[in-house]
């Protein structure tokens, strides 16, 4: 995973873990838009 440098990795991991526990939210267009807007381009 690649993080936006302006965000601490701990905050990123916390958000990621929380999201993974909510698959319906994770798969929703709102989630994708929110995640992209706040963390920039994500590559796995």
Protein backbone atom coordinates (compact mmCIF):
# COMPACT_ATOMS: atom_id res chain seq x y z
CA UNK A 1 0.00 0.00 0.00
CA UNK A 2 1.07 3.56 -0.71
CA UNK A 3 0.01 6.32 1.66
CA UNK A 4 -0.39 10.05 1.28
CA UNK A 5 2.64 11.50 3.10
CA UNK A 6 0.53 14.15 4.82
CA UNK A 7 -1.25 11.43 6.83
CA UNK A 8 0.39 9.35 9.58
CA UNK A 9 0.56 5.66 8.69
CA UNK A 10 -1.15 4.77 11.97
CA UNK A 11 -4.21 6.83 11.06
CA UNK A 12 -4.27 5.25 7.60
CA UNK A 13 -4.09 1.73 9.01
CA UNK A 14 -6.83 2.49 11.53
CA UNK A 15 -9.15 3.72 8.79
CA UNK A 16 -8.27 0.78 6.55
CA UNK A 17 -8.95 -1.78 9.30
CA UNK A 18 -12.25 -0.11 10.20
CA UNK A 19 -13.29 -0.09 6.55
CA UNK A 20 -12.39 -3.74 6.05
CA UNK A 21 -14.81 -4.56 8.86
CA UNK A 22 -17.57 -2.84 6.89
CA UNK A 23 -17.48 -4.49 3.48
CA UNK A 24 -20.80 -3.06 2.32
CA UNK A 25 -19.54 0.44 3.04
CA UNK A 26 -16.14 -0.38 1.53
CA UNK A 27 -17.73 -1.48 -1.74
CA UNK A 28 -20.00 1.54 -2.01
CA UNK A 29 -19.27 4.45 -4.40
CA UNK A 30 -19.41 6.84 -1.43
CA UNK A 31 -16.59 4.98 0.29
CA UNK A 32 -14.42 4.96 -2.81
CA UNK A 33 -14.97 8.69 -3.31
CA UNK A 34 -14.31 9.47 0.37
CA UNK A 35 -11.19 7.33 0.51
CA UNK A 36 -9.76 8.76 -2.71
CA UNK A 37 -10.46 12.35 -1.67
CA UNK A 38 -8.77 11.94 1.70
CA UNK A 39 -5.84 9.70 0.86
CA UNK A 40 -5.13 10.32 -2.81
CA UNK A 41 -4.47 7.50 -5.24
CA UNK A 42 -4.18 4.13 -3.52
CA UNK A 43 -2.22 1.27 -5.06
CA UNK A 44 -1.98 -2.23 -3.62
